[in-house]
Amino acid sequence: MEAGTKRGSALAGRRAKAASSRLLDWYAREARDLPWRRRPTPYKTWISEVMLQQTTVPVAAPYFRRFVRRFPSVAALSRARDEEVLALWSGLGYYHRARNLTAAARAMVARHGGRVPSDLESLRALPGIGAYTAGAIRSIGFNLPAVALEANSTRVLARLGAVRGDTASVRTRRRLEDLAAALMPKDHPSAFLQALMDLGSSLCTPRDPKCDACPVSRYCGARAAGLTERIPMQRRKEVAIRVTMDALAILREPSAGRSECMLVRRGGGPLMKGMWEFPMAVSGSTEAPRTRLATRGEPNGGAAGLASRYGARAIERVGEVPHTITRHRIRVSVFAGSIPARSPRNAWSVRAAWSSRAASSVRWAALDALAAGNDGLASSAVARKIARLLQRRMSAQRASAHA
């Protein structure tokens, strides 16, 4: 029998009850003050858990406040336009999650009277809700027993049980879920799971855990075996894919002191569907062609191809912005271009056709609003990075002109 199994069996009965009690006492004193924990509801739990997928708490918190202020209930979210939801989500990434939220809200109205269901089967049947999110909603939102393990709670349990296996494997995952179920008090599943998360975030960290301050260190199998730094097992990191892209910024000044930039709406495809961004093209990649990221951007590579497609002239490279999508490490070269004053494309209206695109797929946006993220558009994070770069360049030019 492996050490993890022995330790897991030791964390049962009185020891399990004692460990849980100490953890809950610690949580009552040290719980993080998070916006979704204030007047908690199953709806708030759902929204926060979806936001926290692939996103940190400091990043998610302001998005959550804005989102629930605009959509305070399932019913309100079910009536929302996708464009409005995407605009509030803009910058969080993984935009299919936002679309799934509205789809799930509409399903809740149709099937559950506008309420978040509490049983796992009904939750799993909703768009975008997998096993973890369903368990989190049931346990945290409804205070009903269910196991839901994210990165922090997984690390805490692996160390408590001295579980050495790969936490991504099905076998190890089941062992950790069994351990969580053994430790979980029937009356306080919500506080217990959140306590695991907070402990992993504050004390039981990936590196240099603060074992002396940990409320359950006396029950920790990894500490007793001297394996704290080796548990959980570190997975081999995926090789980063290096991608270079060109972006074309076409600017105009319809009134004094106001700059606008041209944005295009992405069509179908696996990434960034329906988002507003600067025209972009993949110029190079360490990844094989015709992959998920290679579908992002225009078919004609390079800034010159973009300029030809959109009728821009006087192209000038103004800088570079970094961006990351999953394991893709992207460097975007930004080129500024202009449209001749007499060009029919410069006299823009919503009815005008731009190249072969529908009029609804191209628009002008205020550069300062885009840079600040309050443009009200479903704009991509890289679009806002580019807008901020352009603002810095324009500020530098004005300062140089007045020097």
Foldseek 3Di string as FASTA:
>chain_A
DDLLVVLLVVCFDPNLQVLLVLLLVVCVVDPDDAPCVPVHALVSQLVQVLLPVVHDRVVCRVLSVVVCVQVVFLVSLLPDDLFLQLLSCAPSFPSVSSVQSNQQSVVCVVPPVRGDDQDLVVQCVGGPRHQQSNQRSNCQRVVADGDHDDDQLLQQLCQLSVPADDCVDPVNVVSSRVSCNRNADRRGSNSSRSSSNVQSVPALDQPPGNLVPDSNSVSTSCVVVVNSNCPHPDDDDDAFKEWEKEFEWEWDDPDPPWIKTKWFAADDADGRHRATATAMATDDIPDDPPDRCNVPHDPDGDPVVVCVQQQWDDKDFQDWDWDDDPRYTYIYTYIYTYHPPPDPVVVDDLCDDGRPDHSVGMDMFTLVCLLVSNRSGSHHPVRNVVSVSVVVVVVVVVVVVVD
